[in-house]
Amino acid sequence: MKRAHRTAHARIWTVLVVLLPLAFFTILALRQTPPADRPAVLIEAPNGAEAGQ
């Protein structure tokens, strides 16, 4: 009985070790919005926005 219990326990943990990270990364990949949906981010100031002008 003990050996069957250990075998079942090992199989369950093996399945969890494979499925949980796979599910986690799948959810992360599906949650990302495409770049077109994100607002534009200004990296540099426009040419006319300098202090002297």
PDB file of N, CA and C in Angstrom:
ATOM      1  N   MET A   1       0.813  -1.194   0.000  1.00  0.00           N
ATOM      2  CA  MET A   1       0.000   0.000   0.000  1.00  0.00           C
ATOM      3  C   MET A   1       0.863   1.267   0.000  1.00  0.00           C
ATOM      4  N   LYS A   2       1.953   1.248   0.744  1.00  0.00           N
ATOM      5  CA  LYS A   2       2.799   2.429   0.813  1.00  0.00           C
ATOM      6  C   LYS A   2       3.414   2.746  -0.552  1.00  0.00           C
ATOM      7  N   ARG A   3       3.838   1.717  -1.277  1.00  0.00           N
ATOM      8  CA  ARG A   3       4.475   1.958  -2.570  1.00  0.00           C
ATOM      9  C   ARG A   3       3.478   2.562  -3.562  1.00  0.00           C
ATOM     10  N   ALA A   4       2.237   2.100  -3.564  1.00  0.00           N
ATOM     11  CA  ALA A   4       1.223   2.654  -4.462  1.00  0.00           C
ATOM     12  C   ALA A   4       0.943   4.118  -4.115  1.00  0.00           C
ATOM     13  N   HIS A   5       0.923   4.405  -2.848  1.00  0.00           N
ATOM     14  CA  HIS A   5       0.687   5.781  -2.417  1.00  0.00           C
ATOM     15  C   HIS A   5       1.835   6.682  -2.875  1.00  0.00           C
ATOM     16  N   ARG A   6       3.069   6.224  -2.717  1.00  0.00           N
ATOM     17  CA  ARG A   6       4.215   7.024  -3.138  1.00  0.00           C
ATOM     18  C   ARG A   6       4.245   7.218  -4.643  1.00  0.00           C
ATOM     19  N   THR A   7       3.866   6.182  -5.384  1.00  0.00           N
ATOM     20  CA  THR A   7       3.839   6.276  -6.845  1.00  0.00           C
ATOM     21  C   THR A   7       2.792   7.287  -7.288  1.00  0.00           C
ATOM     22  N   ALA A   8       1.617   7.222  -6.699  1.00  0.00           N
ATOM     23  CA  ALA A   8       0.562   8.175  -7.040  1.00  0.00           C
ATOM     24  C   ALA A   8       0.992   9.593  -6.675  1.00  0.00           C
ATOM     25  N   HIS A   9       1.596   9.746  -5.534  1.00  0.00           N
ATOM     26  CA  HIS A   9       2.059  11.062  -5.085  1.00  0.00           C
ATOM     27  C   HIS A   9       3.100  11.621  -6.049  1.00  0.00           C
ATOM     28  N   ALA A  10       4.032  10.793  -6.464  1.00  0.00           N
ATOM     29  CA  ALA A  10       5.069  11.235  -7.393  1.00  0.00           C
ATOM     30  C   ALA A  10       4.467  11.624  -8.738  1.00  0.00           C
ATOM     31  N   ARG A  11       3.504  10.870  -9.214  1.00  0.00           N
ATOM     32  CA  ARG A  11       2.872  11.198 -10.500  1.00  0.00           C
ATOM     33  C   ARG A  11       2.096  12.502 -10.416  1.00  0.00           C
ATOM     34  N   ILE A  12       1.372  12.692  -9.331  1.00  0.00           N
ATOM     35  CA  ILE A  12       0.597  13.923  -9.166  1.00  0.00           C
ATOM     36  C   ILE A  12       1.521  15.136  -9.145  1.00  0.00           C
ATOM     37  N   TRP A  13       2.609  15.067  -8.392  1.00  0.00           N
ATOM     38  CA  TRP A  13       3.538  16.198  -8.337  1.00  0.00           C
ATOM     39  C   TRP A  13       4.232  16.434  -9.667  1.00  0.00           C
ATOM     40  N   THR A  14       4.527  15.372 -10.384  1.00  0.00           N
ATOM     41  CA  THR A  14       5.147  15.526 -11.700  1.00  0.00           C
ATOM     42  C   THR A  14       4.202  16.262 -12.645  1.00  0.00           C
ATOM     43  N   VAL A  15       2.932  15.884 -12.624  1.00  0.00           N
ATOM     44  CA  VAL A  15       1.949  16.558 -13.470  1.00  0.00           C
ATOM     45  C   VAL A  15       1.814  18.019 -13.065  1.00  0.00           C
ATOM     46  N   LEU A  16       1.781  18.297 -11.775  1.00  0.00           N
ATOM     47  CA  LEU A  16       1.675  19.680 -11.307  1.00  0.00           C
ATOM     48  C   LEU A  16       2.893  20.513 -11.691  1.00  0.00           C
ATOM     49  N   VAL A  17       4.066  19.911 -11.615  1.00  0.00           N
ATOM     50  CA  VAL A  17       5.297  20.627 -11.970  1.00  0.00           C
ATOM     51  C   VAL A  17       5.285  21.014 -13.443  1.00  0.00           C
ATOM     52  N   VAL A  18       4.664  20.210 -14.276  1.00  0.00           N
ATOM     53  CA  VAL A  18       4.601  20.511 -15.704  1.00  0.00           C
ATOM     54  C   VAL A  18       3.447  21.472 -16.011  1.00  0.00           C
ATOM     55  N   LEU A  19       2.277  21.222 -15.447  1.00  0.00           N
ATOM     56  CA  LEU A  19       1.090  21.990 -15.817  1.00  0.00           C
ATOM     57  C   LEU A  19       1.038  23.392 -15.211  1.00  0.00           C
ATOM     58  N   LEU A  20       1.463  23.549 -13.981  1.00  0.00           N
ATOM     59  CA  LEU A  20       1.356  24.867 -13.351  1.00  0.00           C
ATOM     60  C   LEU A  20       2.198  25.937 -14.051  1.00  0.00           C
ATOM     61  N   PRO A  21       3.471  25.705 -14.338  1.00  0.00           N
ATOM     62  CA  PRO A  21       4.224  26.738 -15.076  1.00  0.00           C
ATOM     63  C   PRO A  21       3.674  26.956 -16.482  1.00  0.00           C
ATOM     64  N   LEU A  22       3.239  25.886 -17.129  1.00  0.00           N
ATOM     65  CA  LEU A  22       2.664  26.018 -18.463  1.00  0.00           C
ATOM     66  C   LEU A  22       1.411  26.892 -18.423  1.00  0.00           C
ATOM     67  N   ALA A  23       0.557  26.671 -17.462  1.00  0.00           N
ATOM     68  CA  ALA A  23      -0.653  27.487 -17.319  1.00  0.00           C
ATOM     69  C   ALA A  23      -0.291  28.932 -16.978  1.00  0.00           C
ATOM     70  N   PHE A  24       0.679  29.124 -16.118  1.00  0.00           N
ATOM     71  CA  PHE A  24       1.096  30.461 -15.715  1.00  0.00           C
ATOM     72  C   PHE A  24       1.604  31.264 -16.909  1.00  0.00           C
ATOM     73  N   PHE A  25       2.501  30.677 -17.693  1.00  0.00           N
ATOM     74  CA  PHE A  25       3.059  31.396 -18.834  1.00  0.00           C
ATOM     75  C   PHE A  25       2.030  31.577 -19.947  1.00  0.00           C
ATOM     76  N   THR A  26       1.098  30.663 -20.076  1.00  0.00           N
ATOM     77  CA  THR A  26       0.027  30.830 -21.057  1.00  0.00           C
ATOM     78  C   THR A  26      -0.852  32.012 -20.685  1.00  0.00           C
ATOM     79  N   ILE A  27      -1.195  32.122 -19.418  1.00  0.00           N
ATOM     80  CA  ILE A  27      -2.015  33.250 -18.959  1.00  0.00           C
ATOM     81  C   ILE A  27      -1.272  34.565 -19.160  1.00  0.00           C
ATOM     82  N   LEU A  28       0.023  34.595 -18.864  1.00  0.00           N
ATOM     83  CA  LEU A  28       0.796  35.817 -19.068  1.00  0.00           C
ATOM     84  C   LEU A  28       0.840  36.209 -20.538  1.00  0.00           C
ATOM     85  N   ALA A  29       1.007  35.227 -21.413  1.00  0.00           N
ATOM     86  CA  ALA A  29       1.067  35.510 -22.846  1.00  0.00           C
ATOM     87  C   ALA A  29      -0.276  36.017 -23.361  1.00  0.00           C
ATOM     88  N   LEU A  30      -1.365  35.501 -22.846  1.00  0.00           N
ATOM     89  CA  LEU A  30      -2.682  35.916 -23.316  1.00  0.00           C
ATOM     90  C   LEU A  30      -3.098  37.278 -22.770  1.00  0.00           C
ATOM     91  N   ARG A  31      -2.539  37.685 -21.652  1.00  0.00           N
ATOM     92  CA  ARG A  31      -2.921  38.958 -21.028  1.00  0.00           C
ATOM     93  C   ARG A  31      -2.244  40.155 -21.661  1.00  0.00           C
ATOM     94  N   GLN A  32      -1.143  39.972 -22.370  1.00  0.00           N
ATOM     95  CA  GLN A  32      -0.416  41.097 -22.943  1.00  0.00           C
ATOM     96  C   GLN A  32      -1.228  41.742 -24.055  1.00  0.00           C
ATOM     97  N   THR A  33      -1.259  43.070 -24.044  1.00  0.00           N
ATOM     98  CA  THR A  33      -1.954  43.782 -25.100  1.00  0.00           C
ATOM     99  C   THR A  33      -0.991  44.002 -26.260  1.00  0.00           C
ATOM    100  N   PRO A  34      -1.488  44.000 -27.465  1.00  0.00           N
ATOM    101  CA  PRO A  34      -0.611  44.256 -28.606  1.00  0.00           C
ATOM    102  C   PRO A  34      -0.063  45.680 -28.568  1.00  0.00           C
ATOM    103  N   PRO A  35       1.087  45.920 -29.164  1.00  0.00           N
ATOM    104  CA  PRO A  35       1.685  47.266 -29.123  1.00  0.00           C
ATOM    105  C   PRO A  35       0.771  48.346 -29.706  1.00  0.00           C
ATOM    106  N   ALA A  36      -0.095  48.025 -30.652  1.00  0.00           N
ATOM    107  CA  ALA A  36      -0.959  49.028 -31.263  1.00  0.00           C
ATOM    108  C   ALA A  36      -1.983  49.578 -30.263  1.00  0.00           C
ATOM    109  N   ASP A  37      -2.304  48.820 -29.231  1.00  0.00           N
ATOM    110  CA  ASP A  37      -3.293  49.260 -28.254  1.00  0.00           C
ATOM    111  C   ASP A  37      -2.693  50.111 -27.132  1.00  0.00           C
ATOM    112  N   ARG A  38      -1.408  50.163 -27.078  1.00  0.00           N
ATOM    113  CA  ARG A  38      -0.766  50.920 -26.007  1.00  0.00           C
ATOM    114  C   ARG A  38      -0.623  52.380 -26.413  1.00  0.00           C
ATOM    115  N   PRO A  39      -0.712  53.306 -25.456  1.00  0.00           N
ATOM    116  CA  PRO A  39      -0.541  54.719 -25.803  1.00  0.00           C
ATOM    117  C   PRO A  39       0.906  55.015 -26.192  1.00  0.00           C
ATOM    118  N   ALA A  40       1.080  56.020 -27.027  1.00  0.00           N
ATOM    119  CA  ALA A  40       2.418  56.403 -27.458  1.00  0.00           C
ATOM    120  C   ALA A  40       3.186  57.006 -26.286  1.00  0.00           C
ATOM    121  N   VAL A  41       4.455  56.684 -26.190  1.00  0.00           N
ATOM    122  CA  VAL A  41       5.306  57.216 -25.132  1.00  0.00           C
ATOM    123  C   VAL A  41       6.329  58.131 -25.777  1.00  0.00           C
ATOM    124  N   LEU A  42       6.396  59.364 -25.325  1.00  0.00           N
ATOM    125  CA  LEU A  42       7.324  60.338 -25.865  1.00  0.00           C
ATOM    126  C   LEU A  42       8.708  60.069 -25.287  1.00  0.00           C
ATOM    127  N   ILE A  43       9.658  59.735 -26.142  1.00  0.00           N
ATOM    128  CA  ILE A  43      11.006  59.418 -25.677  1.00  0.00           C
ATOM    129  C   ILE A  43      11.839  60.695 -25.565  1.00  0.00           C
ATOM    130  N   GLU A  44      11.730  61.590 -26.542  1.00  0.00           N
ATOM    131  CA  GLU A  44      12.488  62.838 -26.529  1.00  0.00           C
ATOM    132  C   GLU A  44      11.516  64.007 -26.664  1.00  0.00           C
ATOM    133  N   ALA A  45      11.965  65.169 -26.220  1.00  0.00           N
ATOM    134  CA  ALA A  45      11.147  66.357 -26.393  1.00  0.00           C
ATOM    135  C   ALA A  45      11.146  66.745 -27.872  1.00  0.00           C
ATOM    136  N   PRO A  46      10.038  67.269 -28.362  1.00  0.00           N
ATOM    137  CA  PRO A  46      10.016  67.734 -29.748  1.00  0.00           C
ATOM    138  C   PRO A  46      11.015  68.882 -29.950  1.00  0.00           C
ATOM    139  N   ASN A  47      11.410  69.133 -31.199  1.00  0.00           N
ATOM    140  CA  ASN A  47      12.433  70.157 -31.487  1.00  0.00           C
ATOM    141  C   ASN A  47      12.028  71.544 -31.005  1.00  0.00           C
ATOM    142  N   GLY A  48      10.772  71.921 -31.105  1.00  0.00           N
ATOM    143  CA  GLY A  48      10.349  73.266 -30.725  1.00  0.00           C
ATOM    144  C   GLY A  48      10.105  73.431 -29.239  1.00  0.00           C
ATOM    145  N   ALA A  49      10.283  72.405 -28.416  1.00  0.00           N
ATOM    146  CA  ALA A  49       9.968  72.486 -26.994  1.00  0.00           C
ATOM    147  C   ALA A  49      11.177  72.811 -26.125  1.00  0.00           C
ATOM    148  N   GLU A  50      12.292  73.208 -26.740  1.00  0.00           N
ATOM    149  CA  GLU A  50      13.480  73.516 -25.945  1.00  0.00           C
ATOM    150  C   GLU A  50      13.284  74.845 -25.226  1.00  0.00           C
ATOM    151  N   ALA A  51      14.034  75.086 -24.160  1.00  0.00           N
ATOM    152  CA  ALA A  51      13.847  76.263 -23.306  1.00  0.00           C
ATOM    153  C   ALA A  51      14.151  77.570 -24.042  1.00  0.00           C
ATOM    154  N   GLY A  52      15.088  77.570 -24.950  1.00  0.00           N
ATOM    155  CA  GLY A  52      15.489  78.782 -25.637  1.00  0.00           C
ATOM    156  C   GLY A  52      14.510  79.217 -26.704  1.00  0.00           C
ATOM    157  N   GLN A  53      13.607  78.394 -27.140  1.00  0.00           N
ATOM    158  CA  GLN A  53      12.739  78.760 -28.265  1.00  0.00           C
ATOM    159  C   GLN A  53      11.338  78.952 -27.846  1.00  0.00           C
TER     160      GLN A  53
END
